[in-house]
Amino acid sequence: MLRLVVHGAVLSCDQGDAHSTLQVVPPGHATVDDAALATVDAHQSGKNIQAFGNCKSEHNPEVQAAT
């Protein structure tokens, strides 16, 4: 079963200190209430999902370099 999300959905990460919003890129042909649809598997970090603020994950190379 496909897990669908809509353009503008609010996203969160338990290792970040801010929320992000999903940008469906390029806009899909399928819509719900005029919002473009994407599947959960269509993520493209840095392209349709922006940063979640400051990251505190020890697996993040930028966090490792700062400690």
N, C-alpha and C. Protein backbone atom coordinates (compact mmCIF):
# COMPACT_ATOMS: atom_id res chain seq x y z
N MET A 1 0.83 -1.18 0.00
CA MET A 1 0.00 0.00 0.00
C MET A 1 0.88 1.24 0.00
N LEU A 2 0.58 2.18 -0.88
CA LEU A 2 1.33 3.44 -0.94
C LEU A 2 0.97 4.33 0.23
N ARG A 3 1.97 4.97 0.79
CA ARG A 3 1.74 5.99 1.82
C ARG A 3 1.89 7.33 1.14
N LEU A 4 0.79 8.09 1.06
CA LEU A 4 0.78 9.35 0.33
C LEU A 4 0.91 10.53 1.27
N VAL A 5 1.56 11.58 0.77
CA VAL A 5 1.68 12.86 1.47
C VAL A 5 1.38 13.96 0.48
N VAL A 6 0.97 15.12 0.96
CA VAL A 6 0.61 16.22 0.07
C VAL A 6 1.63 17.35 0.15
N HIS A 7 1.71 18.11 -0.92
CA HIS A 7 2.56 19.30 -0.98
C HIS A 7 2.21 20.21 0.20
N GLY A 8 3.21 20.66 0.91
CA GLY A 8 2.99 21.54 2.06
C GLY A 8 2.82 20.82 3.37
N ALA A 9 2.88 19.48 3.36
CA ALA A 9 2.75 18.72 4.61
C ALA A 9 3.86 19.13 5.57
N VAL A 10 3.51 19.27 6.84
CA VAL A 10 4.49 19.63 7.87
C VAL A 10 5.23 18.36 8.29
N LEU A 11 6.56 18.44 8.24
CA LEU A 11 7.43 17.30 8.56
C LEU A 11 8.24 17.61 9.81
N SER A 12 8.60 16.56 10.53
CA SER A 12 9.45 16.76 11.70
C SER A 12 10.50 15.65 11.78
N CYS A 13 11.56 15.95 12.49
CA CYS A 13 12.64 15.00 12.73
C CYS A 13 12.94 15.04 14.22
N ASP A 14 13.05 13.88 14.85
CA ASP A 14 13.30 13.87 16.29
C ASP A 14 14.71 14.34 16.65
N GLN A 15 15.56 14.55 15.65
CA GLN A 15 16.93 15.04 15.90
C GLN A 15 17.09 16.52 15.52
N GLY A 16 16.04 17.14 15.00
CA GLY A 16 16.10 18.55 14.61
C GLY A 16 15.32 19.42 15.58
N ASP A 17 15.55 20.73 15.53
CA ASP A 17 14.84 21.63 16.44
C ASP A 17 13.80 22.48 15.73
N ALA A 18 13.45 22.13 14.47
CA ALA A 18 12.43 22.87 13.73
C ALA A 18 11.69 21.92 12.79
N HIS A 19 10.54 22.35 12.35
CA HIS A 19 9.77 21.59 11.36
C HIS A 19 10.19 22.00 9.96
N SER A 20 9.82 21.21 8.99
CA SER A 20 10.05 21.50 7.58
C SER A 20 8.73 21.25 6.86
N THR A 21 8.63 21.69 5.61
CA THR A 21 7.43 21.39 4.82
C THR A 21 7.85 20.68 3.55
N LEU A 22 7.00 19.77 3.11
CA LEU A 22 7.27 19.00 1.90
C LEU A 22 6.97 19.84 0.67
N GLN A 23 7.89 19.85 -0.27
CA GLN A 23 7.69 20.50 -1.57
C GLN A 23 7.66 19.39 -2.61
N VAL A 24 6.50 19.15 -3.21
CA VAL A 24 6.40 18.12 -4.24
C VAL A 24 7.04 18.66 -5.51
N VAL A 25 8.18 18.05 -5.92
CA VAL A 25 8.98 18.53 -7.06
C VAL A 25 9.18 17.37 -8.02
N PRO A 26 8.88 17.48 -9.30
CA PRO A 26 7.99 18.50 -9.87
C PRO A 26 6.56 18.20 -9.44
N PRO A 27 5.68 19.20 -9.52
CA PRO A 27 4.31 18.95 -9.11
C PRO A 27 3.73 17.74 -9.83
N GLY A 28 3.13 16.85 -9.07
CA GLY A 28 2.56 15.64 -9.64
C GLY A 28 1.25 15.90 -10.33
N HIS A 29 0.80 14.89 -11.02
CA HIS A 29 -0.47 15.00 -11.71
C HIS A 29 -1.63 14.68 -10.79
N ALA A 30 -1.39 13.88 -9.78
CA ALA A 30 -2.46 13.54 -8.84
C ALA A 30 -2.55 14.59 -7.75
N THR A 31 -3.76 14.98 -7.40
CA THR A 31 -3.97 15.99 -6.36
C THR A 31 -5.11 15.58 -5.44
N VAL A 32 -5.10 16.16 -4.26
CA VAL A 32 -6.19 16.06 -3.31
C VAL A 32 -6.45 17.48 -2.83
N ASP A 33 -7.67 17.96 -2.99
CA ASP A 33 -8.02 19.34 -2.61
C ASP A 33 -7.00 20.33 -3.18
N ASP A 34 -6.63 20.15 -4.43
CA ASP A 34 -5.68 21.01 -5.17
C ASP A 34 -4.25 20.96 -4.64
N ALA A 35 -3.91 20.00 -3.79
CA ALA A 35 -2.54 19.84 -3.31
C ALA A 35 -1.92 18.64 -4.03
N ALA A 36 -0.72 18.84 -4.61
CA ALA A 36 -0.03 17.77 -5.33
C ALA A 36 0.33 16.65 -4.37
N LEU A 37 0.26 15.42 -4.86
CA LEU A 37 0.57 14.24 -4.06
C LEU A 37 1.96 13.70 -4.37
N ALA A 38 2.55 13.08 -3.36
CA ALA A 38 3.81 12.34 -3.52
C ALA A 38 3.72 11.11 -2.63
N THR A 39 4.60 10.15 -2.86
CA THR A 39 4.67 9.01 -1.95
C THR A 39 5.76 9.27 -0.93
N VAL A 40 5.69 8.59 0.18
CA VAL A 40 6.71 8.73 1.22
C VAL A 40 8.08 8.38 0.66
N ASP A 41 8.14 7.43 -0.27
CA ASP A 41 9.41 6.99 -0.85
C ASP A 41 10.00 7.96 -1.86
N ALA A 42 9.29 9.03 -2.21
CA ALA A 42 9.77 9.98 -3.21
C ALA A 42 10.61 11.11 -2.60
N HIS A 43 11.10 10.92 -1.39
CA HIS A 43 11.86 11.98 -0.72
C HIS A 43 13.19 12.25 -1.42
N GLN A 44 13.58 13.51 -1.43
CA GLN A 44 14.88 13.94 -1.98
C GLN A 44 15.43 14.99 -1.04
N SER A 45 16.23 14.56 -0.09
CA SER A 45 16.77 15.45 0.92
C SER A 45 17.46 16.66 0.28
N GLY A 46 17.15 17.84 0.77
CA GLY A 46 17.72 19.06 0.24
C GLY A 46 17.00 19.59 -0.98
N LYS A 47 16.14 18.78 -1.59
CA LYS A 47 15.40 19.23 -2.76
C LYS A 47 13.93 19.43 -2.42
N ASN A 48 13.27 18.39 -1.94
CA ASN A 48 11.87 18.56 -1.58
C ASN A 48 11.64 18.49 -0.07
N ILE A 49 12.70 18.21 0.67
CA ILE A 49 12.66 18.27 2.13
C ILE A 49 13.85 19.11 2.57
N GLN A 50 13.57 20.25 3.16
CA GLN A 50 14.63 21.14 3.61
C GLN A 50 15.06 20.76 5.03
N ALA A 51 16.08 21.42 5.53
CA ALA A 51 16.65 21.12 6.83
C ALA A 51 15.61 21.27 7.95
N PHE A 52 15.82 20.54 9.03
CA PHE A 52 14.95 20.59 10.20
C PHE A 52 15.58 21.45 11.28
N GLY A 53 16.17 22.54 10.91
CA GLY A 53 16.84 23.41 11.88
C GLY A 53 18.18 22.83 12.26
N ASN A 54 18.55 23.01 13.52
CA ASN A 54 19.83 22.50 14.02
C ASN A 54 19.69 21.03 14.36
N CYS A 55 20.60 20.23 13.83
CA CYS A 55 20.59 18.79 14.04
C CYS A 55 21.42 18.44 15.26
N LYS A 56 20.94 17.47 16.05
CA LYS A 56 21.71 17.02 17.22
C LYS A 56 22.13 15.56 17.12
N SER A 57 21.95 14.95 15.93
CA SER A 57 22.31 13.54 15.74
C SER A 57 23.83 13.39 15.70
N GLU A 58 24.33 12.46 16.47
CA GLU A 58 25.77 12.18 16.48
C GLU A 58 26.23 11.52 15.19
N HIS A 59 25.30 11.09 14.33
CA HIS A 59 25.64 10.46 13.05
C HIS A 59 25.78 11.50 11.94
N ASN A 60 25.43 12.74 12.21
CA ASN A 60 25.53 13.82 11.23
C ASN A 60 26.99 14.31 11.22
N PRO A 61 27.65 14.29 10.05
CA PRO A 61 29.05 14.73 9.98
C PRO A 61 29.27 16.16 10.46
N GLU A 62 28.32 17.05 10.25
CA GLU A 62 28.48 18.45 10.72
C GLU A 62 28.45 18.51 12.24
N VAL A 63 27.62 17.70 12.86
CA VAL A 63 27.56 17.65 14.33
C VAL A 63 28.86 17.06 14.85
N GLN A 64 29.37 16.01 14.22
CA GLN A 64 30.63 15.38 14.64
C GLN A 64 31.77 16.38 14.55
N ALA A 65 31.81 17.17 13.49
CA ALA A 65 32.90 18.13 13.31
C ALA A 65 32.85 19.25 14.35
N ALA A 66 31.67 19.56 14.86
CA ALA A 66 31.51 20.65 15.82
C ALA A 66 31.83 20.23 17.25
N THR A 67 32.00 18.92 17.48
CA THR A 67 32.26 18.46 18.85
C THR A 67 33.70 18.09 19.04
